N, C-alpha and C. Protein backbone atom coordinates (compact mmCIF):
# COMPACT_ATOMS: atom_id res chain seq x y z
N PRO A 1 -13.88 15.71 49.70
CA PRO A 1 -14.69 16.92 49.81
C PRO A 1 -16.14 16.68 49.46
N LEU A 2 -17.03 17.47 50.05
CA LEU A 2 -18.44 17.32 49.74
C LEU A 2 -18.72 17.73 48.30
N PRO A 3 -19.63 17.02 47.58
CA PRO A 3 -19.96 17.37 46.20
C PRO A 3 -20.89 18.56 46.17
N LEU A 4 -20.36 19.77 46.45
CA LEU A 4 -21.19 20.95 46.55
C LEU A 4 -21.81 21.29 45.21
N GLY A 5 -23.10 21.68 45.26
CA GLY A 5 -23.78 22.12 44.05
C GLY A 5 -24.10 21.01 43.08
N MET A 6 -24.05 19.74 43.54
CA MET A 6 -24.26 18.63 42.63
C MET A 6 -25.64 17.99 42.83
N ARG A 7 -26.59 18.71 43.45
CA ARG A 7 -27.91 18.15 43.69
C ARG A 7 -28.73 18.18 42.41
N ALA A 8 -29.41 17.09 42.11
CA ALA A 8 -30.27 17.04 40.94
C ALA A 8 -31.69 17.43 41.36
N SER A 9 -32.32 18.30 40.61
CA SER A 9 -33.67 18.73 40.94
C SER A 9 -34.66 17.62 40.68
N PRO A 10 -35.63 17.41 41.58
CA PRO A 10 -36.65 16.39 41.34
C PRO A 10 -37.45 16.67 40.08
N LEU A 11 -37.48 17.92 39.62
CA LEU A 11 -38.23 18.24 38.41
C LEU A 11 -37.58 17.68 37.16
N GLN A 12 -36.33 17.25 37.27
CA GLN A 12 -35.66 16.71 36.10
C GLN A 12 -36.25 15.35 35.70
N LYS A 13 -36.81 14.62 36.67
CA LYS A 13 -37.38 13.31 36.40
C LYS A 13 -38.76 13.22 37.05
N PRO A 14 -39.77 13.92 36.50
CA PRO A 14 -41.10 13.90 37.10
C PRO A 14 -41.73 12.52 37.00
N ALA A 15 -42.57 12.20 37.97
CA ALA A 15 -43.27 10.92 37.95
C ALA A 15 -44.24 10.89 36.78
N PRO A 16 -44.57 9.69 36.31
CA PRO A 16 -45.50 9.60 35.16
C PRO A 16 -46.81 10.32 35.41
N GLU A 17 -47.38 10.18 36.64
CA GLU A 17 -48.65 10.83 36.90
C GLU A 17 -48.52 12.36 36.87
N THR A 18 -47.32 12.88 37.26
CA THR A 18 -47.10 14.32 37.19
C THR A 18 -47.05 14.78 35.75
N ARG A 19 -46.39 14.02 34.88
CA ARG A 19 -46.35 14.37 33.46
C ARG A 19 -47.76 14.37 32.87
N ASP A 20 -48.56 13.38 33.28
CA ASP A 20 -49.94 13.31 32.78
C ASP A 20 -50.74 14.52 33.24
N ASP A 21 -50.53 14.93 34.50
CA ASP A 21 -51.24 16.10 35.01
C ASP A 21 -50.87 17.35 34.23
N TRP A 22 -49.56 17.53 33.98
CA TRP A 22 -49.12 18.70 33.22
C TRP A 22 -49.68 18.68 31.80
N ARG A 23 -49.66 17.51 31.20
CA ARG A 23 -50.16 17.41 29.82
C ARG A 23 -51.65 17.76 29.76
N ARG A 24 -52.40 17.18 30.71
CA ARG A 24 -53.83 17.43 30.73
C ARG A 24 -54.12 18.90 31.09
N PHE A 25 -53.31 19.48 31.98
CA PHE A 25 -53.49 20.88 32.37
C PHE A 25 -53.38 21.79 31.15
N TRP A 26 -52.32 21.57 30.34
CA TRP A 26 -52.13 22.43 29.19
C TRP A 26 -53.18 22.19 28.11
N GLU A 27 -53.68 20.95 28.03
CA GLU A 27 -54.76 20.68 27.08
C GLU A 27 -55.99 21.50 27.43
N LEU A 28 -56.33 21.52 28.73
CA LEU A 28 -57.51 22.24 29.17
C LEU A 28 -57.28 23.75 29.17
N PHE A 29 -56.10 24.16 29.63
CA PHE A 29 -55.81 25.58 29.79
C PHE A 29 -55.74 26.29 28.45
N SER A 30 -55.24 25.60 27.43
CA SER A 30 -55.06 26.23 26.11
C SER A 30 -56.14 25.84 25.12
N ALA A 31 -57.19 25.22 25.63
CA ALA A 31 -58.26 24.79 24.71
C ALA A 31 -58.92 25.99 24.07
N ASP A 32 -59.25 25.85 22.76
CA ASP A 32 -59.90 26.93 22.04
C ASP A 32 -61.38 27.05 22.43
N LYS A 33 -61.98 25.93 22.74
CA LYS A 33 -63.41 25.92 23.06
C LYS A 33 -63.63 26.26 24.53
N LYS A 34 -64.85 26.64 24.84
CA LYS A 34 -65.22 26.92 26.22
C LYS A 34 -65.34 25.61 26.98
N LEU A 35 -64.76 25.55 28.18
CA LEU A 35 -64.78 24.32 28.97
C LEU A 35 -66.16 24.13 29.60
N ASN A 36 -66.56 22.85 29.64
CA ASN A 36 -67.81 22.56 30.33
C ASN A 36 -67.54 22.43 31.83
N ASP A 37 -68.58 22.24 32.62
CA ASP A 37 -68.45 22.21 34.08
C ASP A 37 -67.52 21.08 34.52
N SER A 38 -67.61 19.93 33.86
CA SER A 38 -66.77 18.79 34.24
C SER A 38 -65.29 19.10 33.98
N GLU A 39 -64.99 19.72 32.85
CA GLU A 39 -63.62 20.06 32.51
C GLU A 39 -63.07 21.16 33.43
N ILE A 40 -63.91 22.12 33.79
CA ILE A 40 -63.48 23.16 34.72
C ILE A 40 -63.14 22.56 36.07
N SER A 41 -63.99 21.63 36.53
CA SER A 41 -63.73 20.96 37.81
C SER A 41 -62.43 20.16 37.73
N GLU A 42 -62.20 19.46 36.62
CA GLU A 42 -60.98 18.68 36.44
C GLU A 42 -59.76 19.59 36.45
N LEU A 43 -59.87 20.73 35.74
CA LEU A 43 -58.75 21.68 35.69
C LEU A 43 -58.41 22.20 37.09
N ASN A 44 -59.43 22.52 37.86
CA ASN A 44 -59.19 23.03 39.22
C ASN A 44 -58.52 21.97 40.10
N HIS A 45 -58.93 20.74 39.97
CA HIS A 45 -58.32 19.67 40.75
C HIS A 45 -56.85 19.47 40.36
N ILE A 46 -56.57 19.53 39.06
CA ILE A 46 -55.18 19.39 38.61
C ILE A 46 -54.34 20.53 39.14
N LYS A 47 -54.89 21.77 39.10
CA LYS A 47 -54.15 22.92 39.63
C LYS A 47 -53.82 22.73 41.10
N LEU A 48 -54.75 22.18 41.87
CA LEU A 48 -54.51 21.94 43.29
C LEU A 48 -53.42 20.89 43.49
N ARG A 49 -53.48 19.81 42.69
CA ARG A 49 -52.45 18.76 42.81
C ARG A 49 -51.07 19.30 42.46
N LEU A 50 -51.00 20.09 41.38
CA LEU A 50 -49.70 20.65 40.97
C LEU A 50 -49.20 21.67 41.99
N ARG A 51 -50.11 22.44 42.59
CA ARG A 51 -49.70 23.38 43.63
C ARG A 51 -49.13 22.64 44.83
N ASP A 52 -49.80 21.56 45.25
CA ASP A 52 -49.31 20.75 46.38
C ASP A 52 -47.95 20.14 46.05
N LEU A 53 -47.81 19.67 44.80
CA LEU A 53 -46.53 19.10 44.39
C LEU A 53 -45.42 20.15 44.44
N HIS A 54 -45.73 21.35 43.94
CA HIS A 54 -44.74 22.43 43.95
C HIS A 54 -44.33 22.78 45.38
N GLN A 55 -45.27 22.86 46.28
CA GLN A 55 -44.96 23.17 47.68
C GLN A 55 -44.13 22.07 48.32
N ALA A 56 -44.46 20.80 47.98
CA ALA A 56 -43.68 19.68 48.53
C ALA A 56 -42.25 19.71 48.02
N LEU A 57 -42.07 20.05 46.73
CA LEU A 57 -40.73 20.14 46.17
C LEU A 57 -39.94 21.29 46.80
N GLU A 58 -40.62 22.41 47.05
CA GLU A 58 -39.95 23.53 47.71
C GLU A 58 -39.49 23.15 49.10
N ARG A 59 -40.35 22.45 49.85
CA ARG A 59 -39.96 22.01 51.20
C ARG A 59 -38.77 21.06 51.14
N GLU A 60 -38.77 20.16 50.16
CA GLU A 60 -37.68 19.21 50.02
C GLU A 60 -36.37 19.91 49.66
N GLU A 61 -36.45 20.90 48.76
CA GLU A 61 -35.26 21.65 48.39
C GLU A 61 -34.71 22.43 49.58
N LYS A 62 -35.58 23.01 50.37
CA LYS A 62 -35.14 23.74 51.56
C LYS A 62 -34.49 22.79 52.57
N ARG A 63 -35.08 21.59 52.71
CA ARG A 63 -34.51 20.60 53.63
C ARG A 63 -33.12 20.17 53.16
N LYS A 64 -32.98 19.92 51.87
CA LYS A 64 -31.68 19.52 51.33
C LYS A 64 -30.67 20.64 51.48
N ALA A 65 -31.11 21.88 51.23
CA ALA A 65 -30.19 23.03 51.37
C ALA A 65 -29.73 23.17 52.82
N GLU A 66 -30.63 22.97 53.77
CA GLU A 66 -30.26 23.06 55.18
C GLU A 66 -29.33 21.92 55.58
N ASP A 67 -29.61 20.71 55.08
CA ASP A 67 -28.73 19.58 55.35
C ASP A 67 -27.33 19.85 54.81
N LEU A 68 -27.26 20.40 53.60
CA LEU A 68 -25.97 20.70 53.00
C LEU A 68 -25.24 21.77 53.80
N ARG A 69 -25.99 22.79 54.25
CA ARG A 69 -25.38 23.85 55.05
C ARG A 69 -24.79 23.30 56.34
N MET A 70 -25.52 22.37 56.97
CA MET A 70 -25.02 21.76 58.22
C MET A 70 -23.78 20.92 57.95
N LYS A 71 -23.77 20.19 56.84
CA LYS A 71 -22.60 19.38 56.50
C LYS A 71 -21.38 20.26 56.26
N VAL A 72 -21.61 21.39 55.57
CA VAL A 72 -20.52 22.33 55.32
C VAL A 72 -19.97 22.86 56.64
N GLN A 73 -20.85 23.26 57.55
CA GLN A 73 -20.41 23.81 58.83
C GLN A 73 -19.66 22.77 59.66
N ILE A 74 -20.14 21.52 59.64
CA ILE A 74 -19.46 20.46 60.38
C ILE A 74 -18.06 20.22 59.82
N ARG A 75 -17.98 20.16 58.48
CA ARG A 75 -16.68 19.91 57.85
C ARG A 75 -15.73 21.09 58.08
N LEU A 76 -16.27 22.30 58.05
CA LEU A 76 -15.43 23.47 58.31
C LEU A 76 -14.88 23.43 59.73
N SER A 77 -15.71 22.98 60.69
CA SER A 77 -15.23 22.91 62.06
C SER A 77 -14.14 21.85 62.20
N GLU A 78 -14.23 20.78 61.39
CA GLU A 78 -13.19 19.74 61.41
C GLU A 78 -11.89 20.26 60.81
N LEU A 79 -12.01 21.08 59.78
CA LEU A 79 -10.83 21.59 59.09
C LEU A 79 -10.37 22.93 59.65
N GLY A 80 -11.16 23.47 60.57
CA GLY A 80 -10.95 24.84 61.02
C GLY A 80 -9.53 25.14 61.46
N ILE A 81 -9.06 26.31 61.06
CA ILE A 81 -7.75 26.77 61.47
C ILE A 81 -7.92 27.67 62.68
N ASP A 82 -6.92 27.73 63.47
CA ASP A 82 -6.92 28.61 64.63
C ASP A 82 -6.60 30.02 64.12
N ASP A 83 -7.61 30.91 64.12
CA ASP A 83 -7.38 32.26 63.61
C ASP A 83 -7.29 33.28 64.73
N GLU A 84 -6.91 32.81 65.91
CA GLU A 84 -6.64 33.73 67.02
C GLU A 84 -5.19 34.18 66.93
N ARG A 85 -4.98 35.46 66.64
CA ARG A 85 -3.64 35.97 66.34
C ARG A 85 -2.66 35.74 67.49
N SER A 86 -3.14 35.82 68.73
CA SER A 86 -2.24 35.67 69.88
C SER A 86 -1.69 34.25 70.01
N ASP A 87 -2.27 33.31 69.26
CA ASP A 87 -1.79 31.92 69.30
C ASP A 87 -0.61 31.69 68.36
N TYR A 88 -0.18 32.75 67.67
CA TYR A 88 0.92 32.63 66.72
C TYR A 88 2.09 33.51 67.15
N ILE A 89 3.27 33.09 66.73
CA ILE A 89 4.47 33.86 67.00
C ILE A 89 4.67 34.83 65.84
N VAL A 90 4.54 36.12 66.11
CA VAL A 90 4.64 37.15 65.08
C VAL A 90 5.81 38.06 65.42
N HIS A 91 6.72 38.21 64.46
CA HIS A 91 7.88 39.07 64.66
C HIS A 91 7.68 40.41 63.95
N ARG A 92 8.50 41.37 64.29
CA ARG A 92 8.38 42.71 63.71
C ARG A 92 8.50 42.67 62.19
N ASP A 93 9.42 41.85 61.69
CA ASP A 93 9.63 41.78 60.24
C ASP A 93 8.42 41.21 59.50
N ASP A 94 7.53 40.50 60.23
CA ASP A 94 6.39 39.89 59.57
C ASP A 94 5.40 40.91 59.03
N TYR A 95 5.52 42.17 59.45
CA TYR A 95 4.65 43.23 58.93
C TYR A 95 5.20 43.80 57.62
N LYS A 96 6.41 43.39 57.25
CA LYS A 96 7.03 43.90 56.03
C LYS A 96 6.79 42.92 54.88
N ARG A 97 6.78 43.43 53.67
CA ARG A 97 6.62 42.59 52.49
C ARG A 97 7.99 42.20 51.94
N GLY A 98 8.02 41.04 51.29
CA GLY A 98 9.26 40.59 50.66
C GLY A 98 10.34 40.19 51.63
N THR A 99 9.96 39.67 52.80
CA THR A 99 10.95 39.25 53.79
C THR A 99 11.63 37.97 53.34
N GLU A 100 12.72 37.64 53.97
CA GLU A 100 13.44 36.42 53.66
C GLU A 100 12.56 35.20 53.91
N LYS A 101 11.74 35.28 54.95
CA LYS A 101 10.85 34.17 55.28
C LYS A 101 9.85 33.90 54.15
N GLU A 102 9.32 34.99 53.56
CA GLU A 102 8.35 34.80 52.48
C GLU A 102 9.04 34.42 51.18
N ARG A 103 10.25 34.92 50.96
CA ARG A 103 11.00 34.50 49.76
C ARG A 103 11.33 33.02 49.83
N GLU A 104 11.64 32.55 51.03
CA GLU A 104 11.91 31.11 51.18
C GLU A 104 10.66 30.28 50.92
N TYR A 105 9.50 30.77 51.40
CA TYR A 105 8.24 30.06 51.13
C TYR A 105 8.01 29.96 49.62
N ILE A 106 8.19 31.07 48.92
CA ILE A 106 7.98 31.07 47.47
C ILE A 106 8.93 30.10 46.78
N ARG A 107 10.18 30.09 47.23
CA ARG A 107 11.18 29.21 46.60
C ARG A 107 10.85 27.74 46.84
N LEU A 108 10.36 27.41 48.03
CA LEU A 108 10.15 26.00 48.39
C LEU A 108 8.74 25.49 48.06
N HIS A 109 7.75 26.37 48.11
CA HIS A 109 6.37 25.88 48.09
C HIS A 109 5.48 26.50 47.01
N ARG A 110 5.98 27.48 46.28
CA ARG A 110 5.14 28.16 45.30
C ARG A 110 4.55 27.19 44.28
N ASN A 111 5.37 26.35 43.69
CA ASN A 111 4.88 25.44 42.66
C ASN A 111 3.85 24.46 43.22
N PHE A 112 4.12 23.97 44.44
CA PHE A 112 3.17 23.04 45.06
C PHE A 112 1.85 23.75 45.34
N LEU A 113 1.91 24.99 45.80
CA LEU A 113 0.70 25.77 46.06
C LEU A 113 -0.13 25.91 44.80
N PHE A 114 0.50 26.30 43.69
CA PHE A 114 -0.24 26.48 42.45
C PHE A 114 -0.79 25.15 41.93
N ARG A 115 -0.01 24.07 42.05
CA ARG A 115 -0.51 22.76 41.61
C ARG A 115 -1.71 22.33 42.44
N THR A 116 -1.65 22.59 43.74
CA THR A 116 -2.75 22.22 44.62
C THR A 116 -4.05 22.89 44.18
N TYR A 117 -3.95 24.12 43.71
CA TYR A 117 -5.13 24.86 43.24
C TYR A 117 -5.33 24.74 41.74
N ASP A 118 -4.64 23.79 41.12
CA ASP A 118 -4.78 23.54 39.68
C ASP A 118 -4.48 24.79 38.86
N ASN A 119 -3.53 25.59 39.35
CA ASN A 119 -3.13 26.83 38.67
C ASN A 119 -4.32 27.75 38.41
N ARG A 120 -5.24 27.78 39.38
CA ARG A 120 -6.42 28.63 39.28
C ARG A 120 -6.54 29.51 40.51
N CYS A 121 -7.34 30.55 40.38
CA CYS A 121 -7.60 31.45 41.50
C CYS A 121 -8.34 30.69 42.59
N GLY A 122 -7.92 30.89 43.84
CA GLY A 122 -8.56 30.20 44.95
C GLY A 122 -9.96 30.69 45.24
N LYS A 123 -10.35 31.82 44.65
CA LYS A 123 -11.69 32.38 44.88
C LYS A 123 -12.63 32.09 43.71
N CYS A 124 -12.27 32.54 42.51
CA CYS A 124 -13.18 32.44 41.36
C CYS A 124 -12.81 31.30 40.41
N ALA A 125 -11.68 30.63 40.65
CA ALA A 125 -11.22 29.50 39.82
C ALA A 125 -10.83 29.93 38.41
N ASN A 126 -10.62 31.22 38.21
CA ASN A 126 -10.18 31.71 36.89
C ASN A 126 -8.71 31.35 36.68
N ASP A 127 -8.37 30.92 35.47
CA ASP A 127 -6.98 30.56 35.18
C ASP A 127 -6.37 31.46 34.11
N SER A 128 -7.03 32.60 33.82
CA SER A 128 -6.54 33.45 32.73
C SER A 128 -6.42 34.92 33.12
N ASN A 129 -6.34 35.20 34.41
CA ASN A 129 -6.27 36.59 34.84
C ASN A 129 -5.04 36.83 35.72
N GLY A 130 -4.01 36.03 35.52
CA GLY A 130 -2.80 36.18 36.31
C GLY A 130 -3.01 35.69 37.73
N LEU A 131 -1.97 35.18 38.36
CA LEU A 131 -2.07 34.68 39.73
C LEU A 131 -1.03 35.35 40.61
N ASP A 132 -1.48 35.79 41.77
CA ASP A 132 -0.60 36.32 42.80
C ASP A 132 -0.76 35.44 44.04
N ILE A 133 0.27 35.41 44.85
CA ILE A 133 0.16 34.74 46.14
C ILE A 133 -0.26 35.78 47.17
N ASP A 134 -1.39 35.56 47.79
CA ASP A 134 -1.89 36.51 48.78
C ASP A 134 -1.96 35.82 50.14
N HIS A 135 -2.18 36.62 51.17
CA HIS A 135 -2.30 36.09 52.52
C HIS A 135 -3.73 35.64 52.76
N PHE A 136 -3.89 34.47 53.33
CA PHE A 136 -5.19 33.82 53.44
C PHE A 136 -5.99 34.34 54.63
N PHE A 137 -5.62 33.97 55.86
CA PHE A 137 -6.45 34.32 57.01
C PHE A 137 -5.88 35.43 57.87
N PHE A 138 -4.58 35.71 57.77
CA PHE A 138 -4.00 36.88 58.41
C PHE A 138 -3.38 37.76 57.34
N SER A 139 -3.82 39.00 57.27
CA SER A 139 -3.28 39.93 56.27
C SER A 139 -1.90 40.40 56.69
N LYS A 140 -1.20 41.03 55.77
CA LYS A 140 0.13 41.56 56.07
C LYS A 140 0.04 42.63 57.17
N ASN A 141 -1.03 43.39 57.18
CA ASN A 141 -1.20 44.42 58.21
C ASN A 141 -1.38 43.84 59.61
N GLU A 142 -1.72 42.54 59.66
CA GLU A 142 -1.86 41.86 60.95
C GLU A 142 -0.60 41.07 61.31
N GLY A 143 0.44 41.27 60.54
CA GLY A 143 1.66 40.51 60.78
C GLY A 143 1.64 39.13 60.15
N GLY A 144 0.78 38.98 59.15
CA GLY A 144 0.67 37.68 58.50
C GLY A 144 1.78 37.44 57.50
N CYS A 145 2.34 36.25 57.53
CA CYS A 145 3.30 35.83 56.49
C CYS A 145 2.74 34.55 55.87
N PHE A 146 3.40 34.07 54.84
CA PHE A 146 2.83 32.95 54.09
C PHE A 146 2.77 31.67 54.91
N GLN A 147 3.65 31.50 55.87
CA GLN A 147 3.52 30.37 56.78
C GLN A 147 3.61 30.91 58.20
N MET A 148 2.55 30.66 58.97
CA MET A 148 2.46 31.17 60.33
C MET A 148 2.91 30.09 61.31
N ARG A 149 3.75 30.48 62.26
CA ARG A 149 4.24 29.53 63.25
C ARG A 149 3.34 29.59 64.49
N HIS A 150 2.61 28.51 64.70
CA HIS A 150 1.73 28.41 65.85
C HIS A 150 2.55 28.17 67.11
N ARG A 151 2.02 28.60 68.24
CA ARG A 151 2.76 28.42 69.50
C ARG A 151 2.89 26.95 69.89
N SER A 152 2.10 26.09 69.26
CA SER A 152 2.25 24.65 69.50
C SER A 152 3.49 24.09 68.81
N GLY A 153 4.09 24.90 67.93
CA GLY A 153 5.29 24.45 67.23
C GLY A 153 5.06 24.08 65.78
N PHE A 154 3.81 23.99 65.38
CA PHE A 154 3.51 23.63 64.01
C PHE A 154 3.31 24.88 63.15
N TYR A 155 3.44 24.69 61.83
CA TYR A 155 3.23 25.78 60.89
C TYR A 155 1.85 25.65 60.25
N VAL A 156 1.23 26.78 59.98
CA VAL A 156 -0.08 26.82 59.33
C VAL A 156 0.06 27.65 58.07
N ASN A 157 -0.40 27.08 56.95
CA ASN A 157 -0.29 27.79 55.68
C ASN A 157 -1.21 29.01 55.65
N ASN A 158 -0.64 30.14 55.27
CA ASN A 158 -1.39 31.40 55.21
C ASN A 158 -1.29 32.01 53.82
N ALA A 159 -1.08 31.16 52.82
CA ALA A 159 -0.93 31.62 51.44
C ALA A 159 -2.02 31.02 50.57
N ILE A 160 -2.48 31.82 49.61
CA ILE A 160 -3.50 31.34 48.68
C ILE A 160 -3.29 32.06 47.35
N PRO A 161 -3.42 31.34 46.23
CA PRO A 161 -3.30 32.02 44.94
C PRO A 161 -4.60 32.73 44.58
N LEU A 162 -4.51 33.99 44.21
CA LEU A 162 -5.68 34.76 43.79
C LEU A 162 -5.36 35.47 42.48
N CYS A 163 -6.37 35.56 41.63
CA CYS A 163 -6.18 36.33 40.40
C CYS A 163 -6.11 37.81 40.75
N GLU A 164 -5.73 38.63 39.80
CA GLU A 164 -5.55 40.05 40.06
C GLU A 164 -6.84 40.71 40.55
N SER A 165 -7.97 40.33 39.95
CA SER A 165 -9.25 40.93 40.35
C SER A 165 -9.63 40.56 41.77
N CYS A 166 -9.51 39.27 42.10
CA CYS A 166 -9.88 38.83 43.45
C CYS A 166 -8.90 39.34 44.50
N ASN A 167 -7.65 39.47 44.11
CA ASN A 167 -6.66 40.00 45.03
C ASN A 167 -7.00 41.45 45.40
N ARG A 168 -7.39 42.23 44.40
CA ARG A 168 -7.80 43.61 44.68
C ARG A 168 -9.07 43.64 45.51
N SER A 169 -9.99 42.73 45.22
CA SER A 169 -11.27 42.70 45.94
C SER A 169 -11.08 42.30 47.40
N LYS A 170 -10.16 41.36 47.64
CA LYS A 170 -9.96 40.89 49.01
C LYS A 170 -9.31 41.96 49.87
N SER A 171 -8.24 42.56 49.36
CA SER A 171 -7.51 43.58 50.11
C SER A 171 -7.23 43.05 51.52
N ASP A 172 -7.67 43.77 52.56
CA ASP A 172 -7.45 43.34 53.94
C ASP A 172 -8.72 42.79 54.58
N ARG A 173 -9.70 42.43 53.76
CA ARG A 173 -10.95 41.89 54.31
C ARG A 173 -10.70 40.57 55.04
N HIS A 174 -11.48 40.31 56.09
CA HIS A 174 -11.36 39.06 56.82
C HIS A 174 -11.75 37.91 55.90
N TYR A 175 -11.04 36.80 56.03
CA TYR A 175 -11.26 35.70 55.09
C TYR A 175 -12.68 35.15 55.16
N ARG A 176 -13.31 35.20 56.33
CA ARG A 176 -14.68 34.68 56.44
C ARG A 176 -15.70 35.63 55.78
N ALA A 177 -15.33 36.89 55.62
CA ALA A 177 -16.20 37.83 54.91
C ALA A 177 -15.97 37.76 53.40
N PHE A 178 -14.77 37.36 53.01
CA PHE A 178 -14.42 37.30 51.58
C PHE A 178 -14.92 36.02 50.93
N PHE A 179 -14.80 34.89 51.63
CA PHE A 179 -15.20 33.60 51.07
C PHE A 179 -16.59 33.20 51.56
N SER A 180 -17.40 32.66 50.66
CA SER A 180 -18.68 32.07 51.08
C SER A 180 -18.36 30.76 51.82
N PRO A 181 -19.30 30.24 52.62
CA PRO A 181 -19.04 28.96 53.30
C PRO A 181 -18.64 27.84 52.36
N HIS A 182 -19.27 27.77 51.17
CA HIS A 182 -18.92 26.72 50.20
C HIS A 182 -17.50 26.91 49.68
N ASP A 183 -17.17 28.16 49.33
CA ASP A 183 -15.82 28.45 48.87
C ASP A 183 -14.80 28.14 49.96
N LEU A 184 -15.14 28.52 51.19
CA LEU A 184 -14.21 28.33 52.29
C LEU A 184 -13.96 26.86 52.56
N LEU A 185 -15.00 26.05 52.42
CA LEU A 185 -14.82 24.60 52.61
C LEU A 185 -13.82 24.05 51.61
N ARG A 186 -13.98 24.44 50.35
CA ARG A 186 -13.05 23.97 49.31
C ARG A 186 -11.63 24.44 49.59
N VAL A 187 -11.49 25.71 49.97
CA VAL A 187 -10.16 26.25 50.25
C VAL A 187 -9.53 25.57 51.46
N MET A 188 -10.32 25.30 52.50
CA MET A 188 -9.79 24.65 53.70
C MET A 188 -9.31 23.23 53.40
N GLU A 189 -10.05 22.53 52.53
CA GLU A 189 -9.63 21.18 52.14
C GLU A 189 -8.26 21.24 51.46
N LEU A 190 -8.07 22.23 50.58
CA LEU A 190 -6.79 22.37 49.89
C LEU A 190 -5.71 22.88 50.83
N ASN A 191 -6.09 23.77 51.74
CA ASN A 191 -5.11 24.33 52.67
C ASN A 191 -4.55 23.25 53.59
N ALA A 192 -5.36 22.23 53.88
CA ALA A 192 -4.89 21.13 54.73
C ALA A 192 -3.71 20.41 54.08
N LYS A 193 -3.71 20.33 52.75
CA LYS A 193 -2.58 19.70 52.04
C LYS A 193 -1.32 20.55 52.20
N LEU A 194 -1.49 21.87 52.16
CA LEU A 194 -0.33 22.75 52.36
C LEU A 194 0.20 22.63 53.79
N ASN A 195 -0.72 22.53 54.76
CA ASN A 195 -0.29 22.37 56.15
C ASN A 195 0.52 21.10 56.34
N ASP A 196 0.07 20.02 55.69
CA ASP A 196 0.81 18.75 55.78
C ASP A 196 2.21 18.92 55.21
N ARG A 197 2.32 19.62 54.10
CA ARG A 197 3.63 19.81 53.47
C ARG A 197 4.55 20.63 54.38
N LEU A 198 4.02 21.72 54.95
CA LEU A 198 4.85 22.58 55.80
C LEU A 198 5.35 21.86 57.05
N ASN A 199 4.58 20.88 57.49
CA ASN A 199 4.92 20.20 58.74
C ASN A 199 5.39 18.77 58.51
N GLN A 200 5.76 18.44 57.28
CA GLN A 200 6.09 17.06 56.96
C GLN A 200 7.23 16.53 57.82
N SER A 201 8.27 17.34 58.03
CA SER A 201 9.41 16.86 58.83
C SER A 201 8.99 16.61 60.27
N LYS A 202 8.14 17.49 60.83
CA LYS A 202 7.67 17.29 62.20
C LYS A 202 6.76 16.06 62.28
N ILE A 203 5.87 15.90 61.30
CA ILE A 203 4.96 14.76 61.30
C ILE A 203 5.75 13.46 61.26
N THR A 204 6.76 13.41 60.40
CA THR A 204 7.59 12.21 60.30
C THR A 204 8.30 11.93 61.62
N LEU A 205 8.82 12.98 62.25
CA LEU A 205 9.52 12.81 63.51
C LEU A 205 8.56 12.37 64.60
N PHE A 206 7.38 12.99 64.66
CA PHE A 206 6.43 12.68 65.73
C PHE A 206 5.94 11.25 65.66
N LYS A 207 5.88 10.68 64.47
CA LYS A 207 5.44 9.30 64.32
C LYS A 207 6.42 8.34 65.01
N LYS A 208 7.67 8.79 65.18
CA LYS A 208 8.69 7.93 65.76
C LYS A 208 8.79 8.11 67.28
N LEU A 209 8.08 9.12 67.81
CA LEU A 209 8.21 9.43 69.23
C LEU A 209 6.99 8.96 70.01
N SER A 210 7.18 8.79 71.32
CA SER A 210 6.04 8.55 72.19
C SER A 210 5.25 9.84 72.31
N TRP A 211 4.01 9.75 72.78
CA TRP A 211 3.20 10.98 72.86
C TRP A 211 3.78 11.94 73.88
N GLN A 212 4.47 11.42 74.94
CA GLN A 212 5.08 12.32 75.92
C GLN A 212 6.23 13.10 75.29
N GLU A 213 7.06 12.40 74.50
CA GLU A 213 8.19 13.06 73.85
C GLU A 213 7.69 14.06 72.80
N ALA A 214 6.63 13.69 72.07
CA ALA A 214 6.09 14.57 71.04
C ALA A 214 5.54 15.86 71.69
N ALA A 215 4.82 15.71 72.80
CA ALA A 215 4.26 16.89 73.47
C ALA A 215 5.38 17.78 74.00
N ARG A 216 6.41 17.18 74.54
CA ARG A 216 7.51 17.98 75.09
C ARG A 216 8.23 18.72 73.98
N LEU A 217 8.43 18.05 72.83
CA LEU A 217 9.10 18.69 71.71
C LEU A 217 8.25 19.81 71.15
N SER A 218 6.92 19.58 71.04
CA SER A 218 6.04 20.57 70.46
C SER A 218 5.93 21.82 71.30
N TYR A 219 5.59 21.66 72.57
CA TYR A 219 5.32 22.82 73.41
C TYR A 219 6.57 23.40 74.03
N GLY A 220 7.64 22.64 73.98
CA GLY A 220 8.88 23.18 74.53
C GLY A 220 9.80 23.71 73.47
N ASP A 221 9.30 23.69 72.20
CA ASP A 221 10.11 24.11 71.05
C ASP A 221 10.41 25.61 71.11
């Protein structure tokens, strides 16, 4: 995963000449005596240099932020889930809560789900406000269950642990409106591990088949 939020500010390690400028600026700016013409000119030049430095740092920070945003978007597109509802097989019972399908998911995958998220909320990372399993990208009102069966034959994880506060806040909001791009990238990275687990038997089988047999099994399933 990308090291989000781990950028060090250039101001943390200023160049020696920058430190000298700041030191001299404060000496002149806070001087008790009236500055002579030479000192006033020096002060003005230092202010201009520091202003140019500040503007250069701002441009660099904006460039880094834009680079990071692009990296996040690229990685999200690589990890992106198919959130087109018509691409999934949805049954009438999937609109109900506590179905046998969801009880089976909890029995088989609940512990792995919580371990994957380090027993923390998938949104705020809180570990002391209780955890519920909520629906990730398809809500229950959309026929979402904890594991969605794609028409290609594979399963996609639709479960995420949320604390009580975040669960109430999410409600039926679309996942892209609920999660920031940075949060979503982290969640998608973790969700990929759940997808691998749900499809482990198929993945193992497909490795033993030719691509023609795998395609026939997948789309003819």
